[in-house]
Protein backbone atom coordinates (compact mmCIF):
# COMPACT_ATOMS: atom_id res chain seq x y z
CA MET A 1 -16.38 -42.40 -24.74
CA ASP A 2 -14.04 -39.40 -24.62
CA ASN A 3 -12.40 -37.07 -22.11
CA HIS A 4 -15.79 -35.60 -21.09
CA TRP A 5 -16.40 -38.80 -19.10
CA VAL A 6 -13.19 -38.41 -17.06
CA VAL A 7 -13.46 -36.54 -13.73
CA PRO A 8 -10.76 -33.81 -13.45
CA TYR A 9 -7.95 -35.11 -11.28
CA SER A 10 -4.28 -34.58 -10.47
CA PRO A 11 -2.11 -37.76 -10.70
CA TYR A 12 0.49 -36.22 -8.37
CA LEU A 13 -2.04 -35.46 -5.62
CA ILE A 14 -3.59 -38.92 -5.90
CA TRP A 15 -0.13 -40.51 -5.62
CA LYS A 16 0.92 -38.31 -2.69
CA TYR A 17 -2.20 -38.65 -0.52
CA CYS A 18 -3.34 -42.11 -1.73
CA CYS A 19 -6.98 -41.06 -2.02
CA HIS A 20 -9.44 -39.69 -4.51
CA ILE A 21 -9.06 -35.93 -4.96
CA ASN A 22 -11.35 -33.95 -7.21
CA VAL A 23 -9.64 -30.93 -8.78
CA GLU A 24 -11.78 -27.81 -9.22
CA TRP A 25 -10.82 -24.55 -10.89
CA VAL A 26 -11.64 -21.73 -8.45
CA ALA A 27 -12.51 -18.76 -10.63
CA ASN A 28 -15.33 -17.13 -8.68
CA ILE A 29 -17.18 -17.20 -5.37
CA LYS A 30 -18.95 -20.44 -6.34
CA GLY A 31 -15.74 -22.34 -5.68
CA ILE A 32 -15.75 -21.18 -2.06
CA LYS A 33 -19.42 -22.08 -1.71
CA TYR A 34 -18.64 -25.53 -3.13
CA ILE A 35 -16.07 -26.13 -0.40
CA TYR A 36 -18.20 -24.92 2.51
CA LYS A 37 -21.26 -26.77 1.26
CA TYR A 38 -19.73 -30.07 2.31
CA ILE A 39 -18.80 -28.71 5.73
CA TYR A 40 -22.09 -27.11 6.70
CA LYS A 41 -24.64 -29.17 4.77
CA GLY A 42 -25.14 -31.44 7.79
CA HIS A 43 -24.57 -35.11 8.47
CA ASP A 44 -25.54 -37.97 6.26
CA ARG A 45 -29.02 -39.12 7.19
CA THR A 46 -31.27 -42.06 6.49
CA THR A 47 -35.00 -42.63 6.79
CA MET A 48 -36.23 -46.03 7.95
CA GLU A 49 -39.79 -47.22 7.50
CA PHE A 50 -41.50 -49.64 9.91
CA ARG A 51 -44.43 -51.13 8.04
CA ALA A 52 -45.73 -53.10 11.03
CA CYS A 53 -46.22 -49.90 13.03
CA ARG A 54 -49.55 -48.14 12.54
CA ASP A 55 -48.57 -45.01 14.44
CA GLU A 56 -47.94 -42.33 11.80
CA VAL A 57 -45.56 -40.49 14.14
CA LYS A 58 -43.42 -43.56 14.83
CA GLN A 59 -43.78 -45.10 11.40
CA TYR A 60 -40.91 -43.02 10.02
CA LEU A 61 -37.73 -42.59 12.00
CA ASP A 62 -35.37 -39.83 10.85
CA ALA A 63 -31.97 -41.10 11.92
CA ARG A 64 -28.36 -40.09 11.44
CA TYR A 65 -26.11 -42.37 9.41
CA VAL A 66 -22.46 -42.70 10.49
CA ALA A 67 -20.16 -44.83 8.35
CA GLN A 68 -17.14 -46.71 9.68
CA CYS A 69 -14.60 -44.08 8.62
CA GLU A 70 -16.44 -41.21 10.25
CA ALA A 71 -17.16 -43.27 13.37
CA PHE A 72 -13.47 -44.04 13.82
CA TRP A 73 -12.48 -40.41 13.13
CA ARG A 74 -14.86 -39.10 15.73
CA THR A 75 -13.91 -41.81 18.23
CA MET A 76 -10.27 -40.68 17.99
CA ALA A 77 -11.43 -37.06 18.49
CA TYR A 78 -9.68 -35.85 15.36
CA GLU A 79 -10.47 -32.40 14.01
CA MET A 80 -13.28 -32.40 11.49
CA HIS A 81 -12.39 -29.01 10.01
CA TYR A 82 -10.92 -25.66 10.96
CA ILE A 83 -10.84 -22.14 9.57
CA SER A 84 -7.68 -20.08 9.33
CA PRO A 85 -6.97 -17.23 9.73
CA ALA A 86 -9.43 -15.71 12.20
CA ILE A 87 -11.69 -12.98 10.80
CA TYR A 88 -12.76 -9.87 12.71
CA ARG A 89 -15.97 -8.20 11.60
CA LEU A 90 -15.34 -4.48 11.96
CA ASP A 91 -18.21 -2.18 12.88
CA ILE A 92 -19.11 0.86 10.79
CA HIS A 93 -21.59 3.28 12.30
CA LEU A 94 -22.26 6.98 12.53
CA PRO A 95 -21.62 8.84 15.82
CA GLY A 96 -23.96 7.48 18.49
CA MET A 97 -25.56 5.03 16.06
CA GLN A 98 -23.87 1.76 17.05
CA ASN A 99 -25.93 -1.38 17.63
CA VAL A 100 -27.17 -1.81 21.19
CA THR A 101 -28.32 -5.06 22.83
CA TRP A 102 -29.85 -5.55 26.26
CA ASN A 103 -31.62 -8.14 28.37
CA GLU A 104 -35.38 -7.72 28.27
CA ASP A 105 -35.76 -9.47 31.60
CA ALA A 106 -33.50 -6.96 33.37
CA ALA A 107 -35.31 -4.11 35.10
CA GLU A 108 -33.63 -1.28 33.22
CA THR A 109 -35.12 1.85 31.77
CA MET A 110 -34.30 3.04 28.27
CA ASN A 111 -32.20 5.87 29.70
CA GLU A 112 -30.11 3.38 31.66
CA ILE A 113 -29.71 1.18 28.58
CA ALA A 114 -28.57 4.19 26.53
CA GLU A 115 -26.08 5.21 29.24
CA HIS A 116 -24.60 1.71 29.44
CA ALA A 117 -24.35 1.52 25.64
CA ALA A 118 -22.58 4.89 25.47
CA ALA A 119 -19.98 3.63 27.94
CA LYS A 120 -19.14 0.60 25.79
CA ASP A 121 -16.88 0.95 22.77
CA SER A 122 -17.44 -0.71 19.42
CA THR A 123 -14.54 -1.88 17.30
CA LEU A 124 -14.60 1.52 15.57
CA THR A 125 -14.60 3.74 18.65
CA ALA A 126 -12.03 1.44 20.26
CA TRP A 127 -9.88 1.98 17.15
CA PHE A 128 -10.03 5.73 17.77
CA LYS A 129 -8.79 5.22 21.34
CA ALA A 130 -6.05 2.81 20.24
CA ASN A 131 -4.73 5.41 17.78
CA ALA A 132 -4.45 7.88 20.66
CA VAL A 133 -2.60 5.37 22.89
CA TYR A 134 -0.28 3.38 20.60
CA ASP A 135 2.13 5.10 18.23
CA ASP A 136 2.31 2.09 15.91
CA ALA A 137 -1.46 2.13 15.48
CA CYS A 138 -1.35 5.45 13.63
CA ASN A 139 0.33 3.74 10.65
CA VAL A 140 -2.35 1.08 10.15
CA TYR A 141 -5.65 1.38 8.32
CA TYR A 142 -8.84 0.35 10.07
CA GLN A 143 -9.39 -2.71 7.88
CA ASP A 144 -5.77 -3.85 8.48
CA PHE A 145 -5.90 -3.31 12.23
CA PRO A 146 -6.58 -6.98 13.16
CA THR A 147 -3.31 -8.00 11.50
CA GLN A 148 -1.34 -6.21 14.24
CA PHE A 149 -3.82 -5.77 17.11
CA VAL A 150 -6.24 -8.02 18.98
CA TYR A 151 -9.72 -6.90 19.98
CA SER A 152 -10.91 -8.07 23.41
CA LYS A 153 -14.71 -8.29 23.53
CA PRO A 154 -14.98 -8.38 27.36
CA LYS A 155 -12.73 -5.31 27.70
CA ARG A 156 -13.85 -3.74 24.39
CA LYS A 157 -10.38 -2.49 23.51
CA TRP A 158 -7.56 -3.15 21.03
CA THR A 159 -4.20 -4.39 22.28
CA PRO A 160 -0.99 -5.18 20.33
CA GLN A 161 -0.91 -8.68 18.90
CA LYS A 162 1.70 -11.02 20.40
CA GLN A 163 1.09 -14.18 18.39
CA GLY A 164 -1.12 -15.55 15.66
CA PHE A 165 -2.62 -13.81 12.65
CA ALA A 166 -6.05 -12.42 11.79
CA ILE A 167 -7.67 -10.33 9.11
CA GLY A 168 -10.45 -7.75 9.24
CA ARG A 169 -13.62 -7.41 7.21
CA MET A 170 -15.67 -4.25 7.17
CA TYR A 171 -19.40 -4.50 6.64
CA TYR A 172 -20.63 -3.58 3.16
CA MET A 173 -22.43 -0.25 2.84
CA SER A 174 -24.47 0.80 -0.17
CA PRO A 175 -24.29 4.38 -1.47
CA LYS A 176 -27.99 4.08 -2.42
CA ALA A 177 -29.16 3.41 1.12
CA ASN A 178 -31.12 5.96 3.11
CA ASP A 179 -28.12 6.51 5.36
CA SER A 180 -25.52 6.85 2.59
CA GLU A 181 -23.25 8.73 5.00
CA ARG A 182 -22.14 5.34 6.32
CA PHE A 183 -20.89 4.49 2.83
CA TYR A 184 -18.72 7.63 2.80
CA LEU A 185 -17.57 6.87 6.35
CA ARG A 186 -16.45 3.44 5.18
CA LEU A 187 -14.65 5.02 2.24
CA LEU A 188 -12.78 7.37 4.57
CA LEU A 189 -11.73 4.50 6.82
CA THR A 190 -9.99 2.84 3.86
CA ALA A 191 -7.95 5.97 3.16
CA VAL A 192 -7.27 7.66 6.53
CA LYS A 193 -4.83 6.41 9.17
CA GLY A 194 -4.53 7.37 12.82
CA ALA A 195 -7.89 9.07 13.28
CA THR A 196 -8.78 9.60 16.93
CA SER A 197 -12.43 10.66 16.49
CA PHE A 198 -15.18 11.10 13.93
CA GLU A 199 -14.22 14.77 13.67
CA ALA A 200 -10.65 13.79 12.83
CA LEU A 201 -11.97 11.64 9.99
CA ARG A 202 -13.84 14.64 8.59
CA THR A 203 -10.82 16.93 8.82
CA VAL A 204 -9.23 17.83 5.48
CA ASN A 205 -6.38 20.37 5.34
CA ASN A 206 -7.05 21.41 8.97
CA GLN A 207 -10.69 22.11 8.13
CA ILE A 208 -13.52 20.03 9.60
CA LYS A 209 -16.09 19.16 6.93
CA LEU A 210 -19.77 19.03 7.80
CA THR A 211 -20.34 15.56 6.36
CA PHE A 212 -18.27 12.50 5.55
CA LYS A 213 -19.23 12.93 1.91
CA GLU A 214 -17.66 16.40 1.80
CA ALA A 215 -14.53 14.96 3.39
CA CYS A 216 -14.35 12.30 0.66
CA ILE A 217 -14.68 14.99 -2.00
CA GLY A 218 -11.97 17.08 -0.32
CA LEU A 219 -9.59 14.10 -0.30
CA GLY A 220 -10.33 13.30 -3.93
CA LEU A 221 -11.86 9.92 -3.14
CA LEU A 222 -14.97 10.60 -5.22
CA SER A 223 -15.04 11.22 -8.94
CA ASP A 224 -16.75 14.30 -10.35
CA ASP A 225 -20.13 14.33 -12.11
CA ASN A 226 -18.87 15.42 -15.53
CA GLU A 227 -20.38 12.41 -17.29
CA TRP A 228 -23.82 13.11 -15.76
CA HIS A 229 -23.55 16.80 -16.69
CA GLN A 230 -22.71 15.80 -20.24
CA CYS A 231 -25.57 13.29 -20.29
CA LEU A 232 -28.16 15.87 -19.18
CA GLU A 233 -26.65 18.51 -21.48
CA GLU A 234 -27.02 16.32 -24.56
CA ALA A 235 -30.47 15.04 -23.56
CA GLY A 236 -31.69 18.59 -22.94
CA LEU A 237 -31.23 19.42 -26.62
CA MET A 238 -33.79 16.88 -27.82
CA ALA A 239 -35.67 15.33 -24.87
CA THR A 240 -38.96 16.57 -23.44
CA GLY A 241 -39.39 17.69 -19.85
CA TYR A 242 -40.88 14.36 -18.80
CA GLN A 243 -38.01 12.43 -20.40
CA LEU A 244 -35.48 14.65 -18.62
CA ARG A 245 -37.22 14.02 -15.30
CA VAL A 246 -37.10 10.26 -15.84
CA LEU A 247 -33.41 10.53 -16.79
CA PHE A 248 -32.69 12.60 -13.67
CA VAL A 249 -34.40 9.95 -11.50
CA VAL A 250 -32.31 7.21 -13.14
CA ILE A 251 -29.12 9.16 -12.42
CA LEU A 252 -30.19 9.68 -8.80
CA THR A 253 -31.11 6.06 -8.11
CA ASP A 254 -28.64 4.07 -10.21
CA CYS A 255 -25.58 6.26 -10.78
CA SER A 256 -24.93 7.73 -7.30
CA PRO A 257 -23.86 11.24 -8.37
CA THR A 258 -21.43 13.02 -6.09
CA ASN A 259 -23.35 16.31 -6.00
CA PRO A 260 -27.00 15.85 -7.09
CA ARG A 261 -27.89 19.34 -5.84
CA HIS A 262 -25.47 20.87 -8.37
CA LEU A 263 -26.99 18.73 -11.14
CA TRP A 264 -30.47 19.97 -10.21
CA ASP A 265 -29.46 23.63 -9.98
CA THR A 266 -27.75 23.43 -13.37
CA TYR A 267 -30.53 21.71 -15.35
CA LYS A 268 -33.73 22.55 -13.46
CA HIS A 269 -34.60 25.16 -16.11
CA ARG A 270 -34.73 22.45 -18.78
CA ILE A 271 -36.31 19.82 -16.57
CA CYS A 272 -39.14 22.22 -15.67
CA ASP A 273 -39.41 24.11 -18.97
CA ASP A 274 -43.05 23.02 -19.57
CA PHE A 275 -44.39 23.57 -16.07
CA ARG A 276 -45.28 27.25 -16.25
CA HIS A 277 -47.79 26.58 -19.02
CA THR A 278 -49.01 23.41 -17.25
CA LEU A 279 -49.72 25.22 -13.97
CA GLN A 280 -51.64 27.96 -15.75
CA HIS A 281 -53.53 25.72 -18.19
CA ARG A 282 -54.68 23.34 -15.44
CA HIS A 283 -55.61 26.27 -13.17
CA ILE A 284 -53.25 25.05 -10.45
CA GLN A 285 -51.62 28.49 -10.21
CA GLU A 286 -52.50 31.45 -12.38
CA ASN A 287 -49.18 33.28 -12.17
CA PRO A 288 -46.50 30.87 -10.91
CA SER A 289 -43.04 32.17 -10.06
CA ASP A 290 -39.77 30.42 -10.90
CA GLU A 291 -39.64 28.97 -7.39
CA ASP A 292 -43.18 27.59 -7.82
CA VAL A 293 -42.24 25.98 -11.13
CA TRP A 294 -39.11 24.34 -9.68
CA ASP A 295 -40.96 23.19 -6.58
CA TYR A 296 -43.62 21.59 -8.79
CA GLY A 297 -40.81 19.85 -10.68
CA LEU A 298 -39.45 18.45 -7.41
CA PHE A 299 -42.95 17.20 -6.59
CA LEU A 300 -43.18 15.25 -9.87
CA ILE A 301 -39.65 13.87 -9.43
CA ASP A 302 -40.61 12.71 -5.96
CA ARG A 303 -43.65 10.93 -7.44
CA LEU A 304 -41.37 9.10 -9.88
CA LEU A 305 -39.08 8.15 -7.01
CA SER A 306 -42.04 6.82 -5.01
CA GLN A 307 -42.58 4.20 -7.72
CA LEU A 308 -39.13 2.88 -6.78
CA ASN A 309 -39.86 3.07 -3.03
CA ARG A 310 -37.61 6.11 -2.75
CA SER A 311 -38.09 9.75 -1.86
CA LEU A 312 -36.24 13.04 -2.20
CA LYS A 313 -35.62 12.80 1.53
CA ASN A 314 -33.17 9.98 0.80
CA TRP A 315 -30.85 12.64 -0.70
CA GLN A 316 -30.18 15.11 2.08
CA ASP A 317 -28.45 17.67 -0.13
CA MET A 318 -31.36 17.82 -2.58
CA PRO A 319 -33.96 20.61 -2.10
CA GLN A 320 -37.24 19.41 -0.62
CA ILE A 321 -40.84 20.09 -1.63
CA GLN A 322 -42.28 23.22 -0.02
CA GLN A 323 -45.92 23.33 -1.22
CA GLU A 324 -48.92 20.98 -1.09
CA TRP A 325 -49.14 20.15 -4.77
CA ALA A 326 -51.22 16.98 -4.33
CA ALA A 327 -54.21 18.91 -2.95
CA ALA A 328 -53.84 21.61 -5.61
CA MET A 329 -53.81 19.02 -8.41
CA MET A 330 -56.89 17.27 -6.97
CA HIS A 331 -58.81 20.53 -6.89
CA SER A 332 -57.65 21.33 -10.43
CA ASN A 333 -58.79 17.93 -11.72
CA ARG A 334 -62.25 18.47 -10.23
CA LEU A 335 -62.60 21.86 -11.89
CA SER A 336 -61.42 20.41 -15.20
CA TRP A 337 -64.04 17.68 -14.93
CA LEU A 338 -66.76 20.22 -14.17
CA ASN A 339 -65.79 22.40 -17.14
CA SER A 340 -65.68 19.44 -19.51
CA VAL A 341 -69.15 18.28 -18.42
CA LEU A 342 -70.65 21.73 -18.88
CA HIS A 343 -69.39 21.88 -22.49
CA PHE A 344 -71.12 18.66 -23.59
CA SER A 345 -73.49 18.85 -26.54
CA THR A 346 -77.27 18.78 -25.99
CA LYS A 347 -77.58 15.25 -27.29
CA THR A 348 -74.76 14.01 -25.05
CA ARG A 349 -76.34 15.74 -22.05
CA ASP A 350 -79.71 14.07 -22.66
CA LEU A 351 -78.12 10.63 -22.94
CA LEU A 352 -76.07 11.12 -19.79
CA LEU A 353 -79.07 12.52 -17.91
CA MET A 354 -81.23 9.54 -18.85
CA SER A 355 -78.60 6.95 -17.89
CA SER A 356 -77.56 8.74 -14.69
CA SER A 357 -81.11 9.23 -13.42
CA ARG A 358 -81.54 5.47 -13.27
CA LEU A 359 -78.61 5.23 -10.85
CA LEU A 360 -80.12 7.48 -8.18
CA ASN A 361 -80.94 5.79 -4.90
CA GLN A 362 -84.22 6.27 -3.03
CA SER A 363 -82.95 9.19 -0.96
CA GLN A 364 -81.63 11.02 -4.00
CA ALA A 365 -84.81 10.41 -6.00
CA SER A 366 -87.21 11.33 -3.15
CA PRO A 367 -89.38 14.50 -3.30
CA SER A 368 -87.25 16.13 -0.61
CA PHE A 369 -84.35 16.05 -3.06
CA SER A 370 -86.31 16.51 -6.26
CA MET A 371 -84.37 17.51 -9.35
CA VAL A 372 -87.14 19.98 -10.09
CA GLN A 373 -86.35 21.73 -6.82
CA VAL A 374 -82.70 21.66 -7.63
CA ALA A 375 -83.48 23.28 -10.98
CA GLN A 376 -85.10 26.14 -9.09
CA ALA A 377 -82.10 26.54 -6.82
CA LYS A 378 -80.79 30.04 -6.34
CA HIS A 379 -77.25 28.95 -5.71
CA LEU A 380 -75.11 25.95 -6.61
CA SER A 381 -71.59 25.60 -5.33
CA THR A 382 -69.00 24.58 -7.89
CA THR A 383 -66.73 23.05 -5.28
CA LEU A 384 -66.98 19.30 -5.67
CA SER A 385 -65.36 18.63 -2.29
CA ALA A 386 -68.41 20.25 -0.55
CA PRO A 387 -71.40 20.27 -2.95
CA LEU A 388 -74.08 22.58 -1.56
CA CYS A 389 -77.51 23.52 -2.95
CA VAL A 390 -79.96 26.14 -1.65
CA VAL A 391 -83.51 25.00 -2.55
CA ASN A 392 -86.45 27.14 -1.37
CA SER A 393 -84.37 28.57 1.47
CA ARG A 394 -83.24 25.05 2.38
CA LEU A 395 -79.60 23.96 2.37
CA LEU A 396 -78.91 20.57 0.79
CA TYR A 397 -75.56 18.94 1.45
CA VAL A 398 -74.36 16.01 -0.64
CA LEU A 399 -72.00 13.91 1.47
CA HIS A 400 -69.64 11.53 -0.28
CA PRO A 401 -66.10 10.18 0.26
CA LEU A 402 -63.38 12.49 -0.95
CA ALA A 403 -61.90 9.87 -3.27
CA LEU A 404 -65.30 8.83 -4.71
CA HIS A 405 -67.00 11.28 -7.08
CA PRO A 406 -70.81 10.78 -7.42
CA PHE A 407 -70.58 11.38 -11.16
CA PHE A 408 -74.10 10.33 -12.00
CA LEU A 409 -75.58 12.54 -9.24
CA TRP A 410 -73.69 15.58 -10.45
CA VAL A 411 -74.76 14.91 -14.02
CA VAL A 412 -78.41 14.93 -12.98
CA VAL A 413 -77.95 18.09 -10.89
CA LEU A 414 -76.03 20.03 -13.54
CA PHE A 415 -78.06 18.98 -16.57
CA THR A 416 -81.41 19.66 -14.85
CA LEU A 417 -80.45 23.28 -14.22
CA PRO A 418 -82.02 25.78 -16.65
């Protein structure tokens, strides 16, 4: 028996309140959860079993248990708990992108719903109007506004506070979200006072920026990308093109660079240094230009991002893919397969021909599609997406799904040719 068996307690608190008080050290959010767990976990309950009853529904009765202390407390109508101070949840939305609710049973068209929503202010747009009306409001940040003003939901407007106290809480916004502009809008709201519109928030040194992100950069609220430039610079000296592309994707998704377009323009030569040879060797493009090489690099980066359920479109300032590289790669893979099959040795061809011939169905092995006739064909298309054969002035068309290559059929056709 030692001190580990003693529940933490305060002798002074026990003496003052004459009751058991458990003392907890609040060092993280778990302490708050511990407190609210007892408030919102529900009432004490009991389950009674009636063995004489054969009805399975009535056999168990889920009842609420109320002890004497709680029964007396509720009978006297004492407060069970209260929360202080009041908390205002402050809206953060882009222009015209606030949440809209409506009654489905009401006979309103979508145009009428949009008009009614545009006429109603959110806490953010009402803050803009309050800054234009009250002089004192221009000296208060958006998140501190509930400490001096009260928001009326029926009237949807802020008015000066006469009594009481409240605090504000802005919704969390992630910089990695598809609409990362809301994150930069939230950042501006923590640093700009007295804004009367979204344009006023984007104004830096009497110049209206195009995006909230540019406004944050102009105000010095965002750090530069020197560490990511240094990272790519050092990796470019020893890493391969594929490794650089993976590193660039990691920086995009996990590090939230301020200007990813500048990172791409600076290091795209190293990221795509092996693509010119790749495009030529795989017969995707015989003489690719620099723009083709960089666009192909963006295509492969987008494929890496797709594995993380992302896309280049999530970064609006990044250049987008201009060409259809997926179709070009599919066609190149088919030609590569055809060339590899044609360069098999004689022994390998005979073995493949013997094994593949056994896989032909009745239609493919019928006299109308005889391999002997195919061997006498005057023309054979090398396009696997539309295999055509001209046999004795007859056109034979092999139909198959685009994603399913009839390998065995092509082996028989190609290896039977003289």
